[in-house]
Amino acid sequence: MQHVIKKALIWLRNDLRLEDHYAFHNAANKCEQIVAYFAFDPKQFIDTPLGFKKTGKFRVQFLIESLEQLKEDLAKKNISIIIECQSPEIGIPKWIDTLGITDFYYQKEWTQEEQNISNALRSKLSDKVLVHSFYDQFLFHPEDIPMEVENIPEVYTVFRKECEKSCKVRYSYPEIPCFPKQNILNKDFKIPVLADYGFEDIKLHPNSAFPFKGGSKSGRDRLNNYFWETKKLSYYKQTRNGLIGKDYSSKLSAWLANGSLSARQIYWEVMKYEKEIKKNQSTYWMIFELIWRDYFKYISLKHRNKIFQLKGILSNKYNWLNDKNKLNSWINGTTSEPFVNANMIEIKKTGWMSNRGRQNAASFFARELLMDWRMGAAYFESQLIDYDVHSNYGNWMYVSGVGNDPRDRKFDISWQAQKYDSQNKFQNLWLQ
């Protein structure tokens, strides 16, 4: 009987790494050949009706850098990557046929746009192809949490305590072996450049709090620097509300967002740090924030499209406005609040904004300007280097009074500015 060579195609989306990766680990164990696939899907780069790109230049740049690094990492293992500027539901079925793929792997996404693509794609595959879809972006795996998804608590603290009590974080997957030189694909695929999307090259802004590049190597370097070289992790809880410079927070959210680093990798690095250097409130707070990130993923898994709806998950009704002038004034940093303006100019010029800034800018937009919060969320989606659909829409619902905030707070912006920027250093940096 003829031996069938098992060939895997791994579709990459928000999991742009080789290390600690379910698909690479499992495909390496089960298949003799592997090829990776990534699509620069045109749907992600359109102009929105609000007047800005769905994916802005800082996010595009970080994505390009992440893929350059991934391509290099894969080449060291003799794994090719197909990179196309077309919809994956068109490209992937063709490659599966052309290459005689037996096993197809991809990380599950459950938000509407992503789900539409995977459904369309799967409908085009032959029954002969084994499809392996999996959850790989959580800290606490869905199979391990102590509740059903439909019973996820609506208050973070309840979720966190339950998980901390009865849920273990899985170990990272070991490094995969190097494959023999493969002839599965004798073609080198080019990665697009910024100009392909109508953007000019980006010069790093001298005041940027995010002077980092995309890719898993940069992510690991940052982790190493923040934890081991400077031991800034030991002070994270005291500095995390900072506004200026690269070290007030870990900045790891950007690599987490596109999966250049996994939540598990960071968790186990914190555990190692606690053992070898110091365990304190700050090291715990890093885990606390990773659990918040998980929580928003579970909230979107539970509530699905409600996270994109005006009434949010609470079905609260407010009289929201839809005023283009107010939107543009907020985007351009010309509102009545200097603290908000400084933050909005920062995101426009660098693709980054602090957590404290995001809360204030979003609260002002939804609670003071009374604007449809989804317009603000869409702008953050365009601009933020560390955009993650679950955290972005989860946080916007939260501050807009239609999400998981049991206290329904409204930020006092001038009080916040006084507390976190008492000497106006941050405002002076961006409002010159």
Protein backbone atom coordinates (compact mmCIF):
# COMPACT_ATOMS: atom_id res chain seq x y z
CA MET A 1 0.00 0.00 0.00
CA GLN A 2 1.34 3.40 -0.98
CA HIS A 3 2.45 5.66 1.87
CA VAL A 4 0.56 8.96 1.87
CA ILE A 5 2.83 11.87 2.73
CA LYS A 6 1.05 14.00 5.30
CA LYS A 7 1.32 17.68 4.43
CA ALA A 8 0.09 20.47 6.69
CA LEU A 9 -0.95 23.98 5.78
CA ILE A 10 -1.05 26.34 8.78
CA TRP A 11 -3.19 29.45 8.31
CA LEU A 12 -1.83 32.26 10.45
CA ARG A 13 -3.86 35.23 11.62
CA ASN A 14 -3.27 36.63 15.11
CA ASP A 15 -0.70 33.97 16.00
CA LEU A 16 2.44 35.21 14.25
CA ARG A 17 5.03 33.13 16.07
CA LEU A 18 6.75 29.78 15.81
CA GLU A 19 7.34 29.24 19.53
CA ASP A 20 4.61 27.95 21.84
CA HIS A 21 2.20 27.43 18.95
CA TYR A 22 -0.40 24.67 18.95
CA ALA A 23 -0.44 24.18 15.17
CA PHE A 24 3.31 24.11 14.57
CA HIS A 25 3.77 21.76 17.53
CA ASN A 26 1.03 19.35 16.45
CA ALA A 27 1.76 19.49 12.72
CA ALA A 28 5.45 18.83 13.41
CA ASN A 29 4.46 15.67 15.30
CA LYS A 30 1.94 14.40 12.75
CA CYS A 31 3.05 15.60 9.32
CA GLU A 32 6.13 15.22 7.15
CA GLN A 33 5.84 18.60 5.46
CA ILE A 34 4.56 21.97 6.66
CA VAL A 35 3.80 25.18 4.84
CA ALA A 36 2.50 28.34 6.53
CA TYR A 37 0.06 30.84 4.99
CA PHE A 38 -0.73 34.48 5.71
CA ALA A 39 -3.09 36.77 3.81
CA PHE A 40 -3.00 40.54 3.73
CA ASP A 41 -6.77 40.46 3.32
CA PRO A 42 -7.94 43.53 1.32
CA LYS A 43 -11.03 43.73 3.59
CA GLN A 44 -8.72 44.79 6.44
CA PHE A 45 -7.25 47.76 4.58
CA ILE A 46 -10.31 49.57 3.26
CA ASP A 47 -11.29 53.15 4.07
CA THR A 48 -14.01 53.27 6.71
CA PRO A 49 -17.11 55.45 6.21
CA LEU A 50 -15.76 57.55 9.11
CA GLY A 51 -12.89 58.86 7.01
CA PHE A 52 -9.88 56.81 8.14
CA LYS A 53 -8.36 53.45 7.23
CA LYS A 54 -9.62 50.28 8.90
CA THR A 55 -5.96 49.45 9.57
CA GLY A 56 -3.77 52.54 9.94
CA LYS A 57 -0.09 52.92 9.10
CA PHE A 58 1.34 52.08 12.54
CA ARG A 59 -0.53 48.80 12.69
CA VAL A 60 0.42 47.95 9.11
CA GLN A 61 4.09 48.67 9.84
CA PHE A 62 4.08 46.49 12.97
CA LEU A 63 2.38 43.68 11.02
CA ILE A 64 4.95 43.85 8.21
CA GLU A 65 7.81 43.71 10.74
CA SER A 66 6.15 40.77 12.52
CA LEU A 67 5.92 38.81 9.27
CA GLU A 68 9.51 39.60 8.28
CA GLN A 69 10.62 38.09 11.59
CA LEU A 70 8.31 35.09 11.29
CA LYS A 71 9.51 34.36 7.75
CA GLU A 72 13.09 34.37 9.03
CA ASP A 73 12.21 32.10 12.00
CA LEU A 74 10.39 29.64 9.72
CA ALA A 75 13.26 29.55 7.20
CA LYS A 76 15.57 28.33 9.98
CA LYS A 77 13.27 25.31 10.36
CA ASN A 78 13.01 24.85 6.56
CA ILE A 79 9.34 25.86 6.60
CA SER A 80 8.06 28.03 3.74
CA ILE A 81 5.42 30.70 4.11
CA ILE A 82 2.95 31.77 1.44
CA ILE A 83 2.14 35.48 1.70
CA GLU A 84 -0.68 36.82 -0.46
CA CYS A 85 -2.59 40.07 -0.81
CA GLN A 86 -5.98 38.48 -1.30
CA SER A 87 -8.81 37.04 0.73
CA PRO A 88 -7.78 33.80 2.49
CA GLU A 89 -11.08 32.14 1.61
CA ILE A 90 -10.01 32.45 -2.04
CA GLY A 91 -6.29 31.75 -1.66
CA ILE A 92 -6.20 28.86 0.80
CA PRO A 93 -8.48 26.34 -1.00
CA LYS A 94 -6.36 26.81 -4.16
CA TRP A 95 -3.12 26.10 -2.29
CA ILE A 96 -4.62 23.11 -0.50
CA ASP A 97 -5.45 21.61 -3.90
CA THR A 98 -2.19 22.61 -5.60
CA LEU A 99 0.07 21.28 -2.85
CA GLY A 100 -1.96 18.19 -2.00
CA ILE A 101 -2.45 19.28 1.61
CA THR A 102 -3.82 16.58 3.92
CA ASP A 103 -4.10 18.59 7.18
CA PHE A 104 -5.29 22.16 7.60
CA TYR A 105 -4.64 24.01 10.87
CA TYR A 106 -5.91 27.36 12.11
CA GLN A 107 -6.50 29.22 15.36
CA LYS A 108 -10.18 29.80 16.14
CA GLU A 109 -11.44 33.36 16.00
CA TRP A 110 -15.09 33.97 16.91
CA THR A 111 -15.80 37.62 16.11
CA GLN A 112 -18.08 38.14 13.12
CA GLU A 113 -15.67 39.20 10.35
CA GLU A 114 -13.20 36.43 11.18
CA GLN A 115 -15.96 33.85 11.53
CA ASN A 116 -17.43 34.76 8.13
CA ILE A 117 -14.04 34.15 6.52
CA SER A 118 -13.40 30.79 8.18
CA ASN A 119 -16.95 29.61 7.38
CA ALA A 120 -16.60 30.61 3.72
CA LEU A 121 -13.20 28.95 3.56
CA ARG A 122 -14.28 25.68 5.17
CA SER A 123 -17.25 25.38 2.81
CA LYS A 124 -14.77 25.21 -0.09
CA LEU A 125 -12.61 22.40 1.32
CA SER A 126 -12.83 18.79 0.26
CA ASP A 127 -13.93 16.23 2.87
CA LYS A 128 -10.54 14.56 2.41
CA VAL A 129 -8.74 17.42 4.15
CA LEU A 130 -8.48 17.01 7.92
CA VAL A 131 -9.34 20.34 9.56
CA HIS A 132 -7.79 21.12 12.95
CA SER A 133 -9.15 24.32 14.52
CA PHE A 134 -8.12 25.21 18.05
CA TYR A 135 -8.15 27.88 20.77
CA ASP A 136 -4.63 29.15 21.34
CA GLN A 137 -4.86 32.79 22.39
CA PHE A 138 -5.99 32.44 26.00
CA LEU A 139 -4.10 32.33 29.27
CA PHE A 140 -6.70 29.96 30.74
CA HIS A 141 -7.75 27.51 28.04
CA PRO A 142 -11.55 27.28 27.48
CA GLU A 143 -11.43 23.56 28.36
CA ASP A 144 -9.85 24.39 31.73
CA ILE A 145 -12.00 27.20 33.10
CA PRO A 146 -14.43 26.26 35.91
CA MET A 147 -17.60 27.41 34.10
CA GLU A 148 -19.40 27.11 30.78
CA VAL A 149 -18.93 30.01 28.37
CA GLU A 150 -22.64 30.97 28.66
CA ASN A 151 -22.15 31.27 32.43
CA ILE A 152 -19.11 33.59 32.33
CA PRO A 153 -19.70 36.14 35.15
CA GLU A 154 -20.46 39.72 34.10
CA VAL A 155 -18.05 41.05 36.73
CA TYR A 156 -14.30 40.60 36.23
CA THR A 157 -13.46 40.00 39.90
CA VAL A 158 -15.80 37.00 40.09
CA PHE A 159 -14.26 35.49 36.95
CA ARG A 160 -10.69 36.15 38.14
CA LYS A 161 -11.19 34.64 41.59
CA GLU A 162 -12.86 31.51 40.19
CA CYS A 163 -10.06 30.99 37.67
CA GLU A 164 -7.26 31.73 40.13
CA LYS A 165 -8.74 29.19 42.51
CA SER A 166 -9.29 26.30 40.17
CA CYS A 167 -7.53 26.83 36.85
CA LYS A 168 -3.94 26.03 35.91
CA VAL A 169 -2.11 27.70 33.04
CA ARG A 170 -0.93 25.14 30.51
CA TYR A 171 2.78 24.80 29.81
CA SER A 172 4.23 26.32 26.66
CA TYR A 173 4.76 23.96 23.74
CA PRO A 174 8.39 22.87 23.24
CA GLU A 175 10.44 24.08 20.29
CA ILE A 176 9.79 22.12 17.11
CA PRO A 177 12.61 20.27 15.32
CA CYS A 178 14.13 21.46 12.07
CA PHE A 179 12.50 19.90 9.00
CA PRO A 180 14.52 18.39 6.16
CA LYS A 181 14.89 20.79 3.23
CA GLN A 182 11.51 20.67 1.52
CA ASN A 183 10.58 21.10 -2.13
CA ILE A 184 6.92 21.64 -1.30
CA LEU A 185 7.21 25.25 -2.45
CA ASN A 186 10.00 26.63 -4.62
CA LYS A 187 8.92 30.21 -4.42
CA ASP A 188 9.82 33.17 -2.23
CA PHE A 189 6.85 35.35 -1.39
CA LYS A 190 7.36 39.06 -0.94
CA ILE A 191 5.95 40.88 2.07
CA PRO A 192 4.13 44.12 1.14
CA VAL A 193 5.54 47.51 2.10
CA LEU A 194 3.76 50.57 3.52
CA ALA A 195 3.61 52.24 0.10
CA ASP A 196 1.44 49.35 -1.16
CA TYR A 197 -1.26 50.68 1.20
CA GLY A 198 -0.78 54.33 0.31
CA PHE A 199 1.34 55.18 3.36
CA GLU A 200 4.67 57.00 3.48
CA ASP A 201 7.53 55.49 5.46
CA ILE A 202 7.24 56.11 9.18
CA LYS A 203 9.94 57.95 11.06
CA LEU A 204 9.92 57.08 14.75
CA HIS A 205 8.61 60.08 16.72
CA PRO A 206 11.21 61.26 19.27
CA ASN A 207 8.58 61.31 22.05
CA SER A 208 7.13 57.87 21.27
CA ALA A 209 6.50 55.66 24.30
CA PHE A 210 6.58 52.68 21.92
CA PRO A 211 9.94 52.72 20.09
CA PHE A 212 9.75 49.00 19.30
CA LYS A 213 9.53 46.83 16.19
CA GLY A 214 7.12 44.03 15.40
CA GLY A 215 8.03 40.36 15.54
CA SER A 216 8.57 37.66 18.12
CA LYS A 217 12.29 38.43 18.49
CA SER A 218 11.56 42.07 19.42
CA GLY A 219 8.84 40.84 21.78
CA ARG A 220 11.23 38.45 23.52
CA ASP A 221 13.89 41.18 23.68
CA ARG A 222 11.38 43.51 25.33
CA LEU A 223 10.33 40.82 27.78
CA ASN A 224 13.95 40.15 28.61
CA ASN A 225 14.73 43.85 29.06
CA TYR A 226 11.66 44.70 31.17
CA PHE A 227 11.96 41.62 33.37
CA TRP A 228 15.60 40.58 33.62
CA GLU A 229 17.85 43.43 32.48
CA THR A 230 16.15 46.37 34.22
CA LYS A 231 13.92 44.42 36.67
CA LYS A 232 11.20 47.00 35.96
CA LEU A 233 8.65 44.22 36.49
CA SER A 234 9.25 44.57 40.25
CA TYR A 235 7.79 48.12 40.08
CA TYR A 236 5.05 47.59 37.49
CA LYS A 237 2.13 48.24 39.84
CA GLN A 238 3.55 51.64 40.91
CA THR A 239 4.42 52.81 37.39
CA ARG A 240 1.64 51.33 35.22
CA ASN A 241 -0.42 54.54 35.23
CA GLY A 242 2.48 56.50 33.75
CA LEU A 243 2.26 58.48 30.53
CA ILE A 244 5.80 59.18 29.33
CA GLY A 245 8.60 56.90 28.15
CA LYS A 246 8.89 53.25 27.30
CA ASP A 247 9.21 51.77 30.79
CA TYR A 248 6.13 52.84 32.76
CA SER A 249 4.49 49.64 31.50
CA SER A 250 5.65 46.45 29.83
CA LYS A 251 4.23 47.36 26.36
CA LEU A 252 3.87 43.61 25.76
CA SER A 253 0.27 44.10 24.61
CA ALA A 254 1.41 44.82 21.04
CA TRP A 255 3.12 41.43 20.58
CA LEU A 256 0.26 39.70 22.38
CA ALA A 257 -2.26 41.33 20.04
CA ASN A 258 -0.92 39.74 16.87
CA GLY A 259 0.32 36.65 18.65
CA SER A 260 4.07 37.26 18.27
CA LEU A 261 4.15 36.35 21.96
CA SER A 262 1.66 34.14 23.77
CA ALA A 263 0.02 34.85 27.12
CA ARG A 264 1.47 31.54 28.36
CA GLN A 265 5.02 32.60 27.51
CA ILE A 266 4.63 35.78 29.55
CA TYR A 267 2.94 33.96 32.45
CA TRP A 268 5.72 31.37 32.78
CA GLU A 269 8.36 34.08 32.52
CA VAL A 270 6.68 35.89 35.45
CA MET A 271 6.69 32.62 37.42
CA LYS A 272 10.41 32.22 36.74
CA TYR A 273 11.05 35.85 37.74
CA GLU A 274 9.13 35.38 41.01
CA LYS A 275 11.26 32.36 41.78
CA GLU A 276 14.62 33.83 40.84
CA ILE A 277 14.30 37.57 41.55
CA LYS A 278 11.26 38.64 43.55
CA LYS A 279 7.59 37.96 44.04
CA ASN A 280 5.50 41.00 44.97
CA GLN A 281 2.32 42.90 44.14
CA SER A 282 3.81 44.06 40.84
CA THR A 283 4.57 40.57 39.55
CA TYR A 284 1.04 39.55 40.54
CA TRP A 285 -0.35 42.62 38.74
CA MET A 286 1.18 41.50 35.47
CA ILE A 287 -0.80 38.24 35.78
CA PHE A 288 -3.87 40.25 36.88
CA GLU A 289 -3.68 42.20 33.58
CA LEU A 290 -3.23 39.00 31.56
CA ILE A 291 -6.41 37.68 33.17
CA TRP A 292 -8.26 40.92 32.24
CA ARG A 293 -7.18 40.31 28.65
CA ASP A 294 -8.56 36.76 28.87
CA TYR A 295 -11.76 38.04 30.44
CA PHE A 296 -12.56 40.32 27.49
CA LYS A 297 -11.97 37.38 25.15
CA TYR A 298 -14.43 35.28 27.14
CA ILE A 299 -16.96 38.14 27.23
CA SER A 300 -16.86 38.35 23.42
CA LEU A 301 -17.05 34.54 23.18
CA LYS A 302 -20.18 34.66 25.38
CA HIS A 303 -21.92 37.72 23.93
CA ARG A 304 -20.69 37.52 20.33
CA ASN A 305 -21.98 40.42 18.21
CA LYS A 306 -23.39 42.33 21.16
CA ILE A 307 -19.89 43.74 21.78
CA PHE A 308 -20.23 45.68 18.49
CA GLN A 309 -23.77 46.89 19.10
CA LEU A 310 -24.63 50.34 20.38
CA LYS A 311 -26.48 49.00 23.43
CA GLY A 312 -23.53 46.75 24.28
CA ILE A 313 -23.98 43.70 26.46
CA LEU A 314 -26.20 45.53 28.96
CA SER A 315 -28.75 46.69 26.37
CA ASN A 316 -28.55 50.14 28.00
CA LYS A 317 -30.11 52.91 25.95
CA TYR A 318 -28.52 56.34 25.76
CA ASN A 319 -29.13 59.09 23.26
CA TRP A 320 -25.85 58.83 21.38
CA LEU A 321 -24.77 61.47 18.88
CA ASN A 322 -23.27 60.91 15.46
CA ASP A 323 -21.47 64.20 14.78
CA LYS A 324 -18.56 64.13 12.31
CA ASN A 325 -17.25 67.50 13.54
CA LYS A 326 -17.07 66.27 17.14
CA LEU A 327 -15.38 63.08 15.98
CA ASN A 328 -12.75 65.03 14.02
CA SER A 329 -12.16 67.47 16.86
CA TRP A 330 -11.51 64.50 19.17
CA ILE A 331 -9.24 62.76 16.62
CA ASN A 332 -7.23 65.94 16.02
CA GLY A 333 -6.88 66.86 19.68
CA THR A 334 -8.85 70.14 19.51
CA THR A 335 -11.45 69.50 22.23
CA SER A 336 -11.99 71.55 25.38
CA GLU A 337 -9.85 69.12 27.45
CA PRO A 338 -6.06 69.55 27.11
CA PHE A 339 -5.37 66.17 28.75
CA VAL A 340 -7.57 64.37 26.22
CA ASN A 341 -6.02 66.41 23.39
CA ALA A 342 -2.48 65.43 24.38
CA ASN A 343 -3.44 61.75 24.36
CA MET A 344 -5.19 62.03 21.01
CA ILE A 345 -2.19 63.74 19.43
CA GLU A 346 0.04 61.01 20.84
CA ILE A 347 -1.99 58.21 19.25
CA LYS A 348 -2.20 60.08 15.94
CA LYS A 349 1.56 60.59 15.78
CA THR A 350 2.78 57.30 17.26
CA GLY A 351 0.03 54.64 17.21
CA TRP A 352 0.35 54.34 20.98
CA MET A 353 -1.57 55.61 24.02
CA SER A 354 -1.20 54.70 27.68
CA ASN A 355 -3.91 52.76 29.49
CA ARG A 356 -4.70 55.84 31.58
CA GLY A 357 -4.95 57.95 28.43
CA ARG A 358 -7.25 55.45 26.71
CA GLN A 359 -9.69 55.43 29.60
CA ASN A 360 -9.85 59.21 29.72
CA ALA A 361 -10.06 59.72 25.95
CA ALA A 362 -12.81 57.08 25.64
CA SER A 363 -14.76 58.34 28.65
CA PHE A 364 -14.64 61.91 27.32
CA PHE A 365 -15.82 60.78 23.88
CA ALA A 366 -18.75 58.70 25.15
CA ARG A 367 -19.71 60.49 28.38
CA GLU A 368 -18.93 64.16 27.72
CA LEU A 369 -19.38 64.42 23.95
CA LEU A 370 -22.14 61.74 24.13
CA MET A 371 -20.88 60.30 20.86
CA ASP A 372 -21.66 56.83 19.51
CA TRP A 373 -18.84 54.96 21.29
CA ARG A 374 -18.34 52.60 18.34
CA MET A 375 -16.95 55.49 16.28
CA GLY A 376 -14.25 56.00 18.90
CA ALA A 377 -13.61 52.26 19.08
CA ALA A 378 -13.22 52.14 15.28
CA TYR A 379 -10.64 54.93 15.42
CA PHE A 380 -8.66 53.07 18.08
CA GLU A 381 -8.91 49.96 15.90
CA SER A 382 -7.32 51.88 13.05
CA GLN A 383 -4.56 53.51 15.06
CA LEU A 384 -3.44 51.32 17.95
CA ILE A 385 -0.37 49.17 17.34
CA ASP A 386 -1.66 46.81 20.04
CA TYR A 387 -5.24 46.66 18.75
CA ASP A 388 -7.02 43.52 19.91
CA VAL A 389 -10.68 43.25 18.99
CA HIS A 390 -11.79 41.79 22.34
CA SER A 391 -9.90 44.22 24.60
CA ASN A 392 -10.68 47.23 22.45
CA TYR A 393 -14.44 46.74 22.23
CA GLY A 394 -14.59 45.33 25.78
CA ASN A 395 -12.89 48.41 27.20
CA TRP A 396 -14.96 50.82 25.11
CA MET A 397 -18.20 49.20 26.30
CA TYR A 398 -16.89 49.33 29.86
CA VAL A 399 -16.19 53.08 29.90
CA SER A 400 -19.31 53.89 27.87
CA GLY A 401 -21.70 52.38 30.41
CA VAL A 402 -22.82 49.44 28.25
CA GLY A 403 -20.28 46.84 29.37
CA ASN A 404 -18.77 45.07 32.37
CA ASP A 405 -18.45 47.97 34.82
CA PRO A 406 -20.75 47.33 37.78
CA ARG A 407 -20.21 50.90 39.01
CA ASP A 408 -20.98 52.74 35.75
CA ARG A 409 -18.28 55.35 36.28
CA LYS A 410 -17.60 58.57 34.48
CA PHE A 411 -14.08 59.99 34.52
CA ASP A 412 -13.47 63.46 35.92
CA ILE A 413 -10.91 64.44 33.29
CA SER A 414 -9.42 67.48 35.02
CA TRP A 415 -9.05 65.51 38.28
CA GLN A 416 -7.36 62.71 36.33
CA ALA A 417 -5.02 65.16 34.63
CA GLN A 418 -4.13 66.69 37.99
CA LYS A 419 -3.46 63.27 39.53
CA TYR A 420 -1.50 61.66 36.70
CA ASP A 421 0.06 64.70 35.01
CA SER A 422 0.28 67.17 37.90
CA GLN A 423 3.19 69.12 36.40
CA ASN A 424 1.75 69.05 32.88
CA LYS A 425 4.83 67.23 31.57
CA PHE A 426 2.81 64.92 29.35
CA GLN A 427 0.53 67.69 28.08
CA ASN A 428 3.51 69.94 27.34
CA LEU A 429 5.18 67.10 25.43
CA TRP A 430 2.33 66.83 22.92
CA LEU A 431 0.61 70.22 22.96
CA GLN A 432 3.50 72.38 21.85
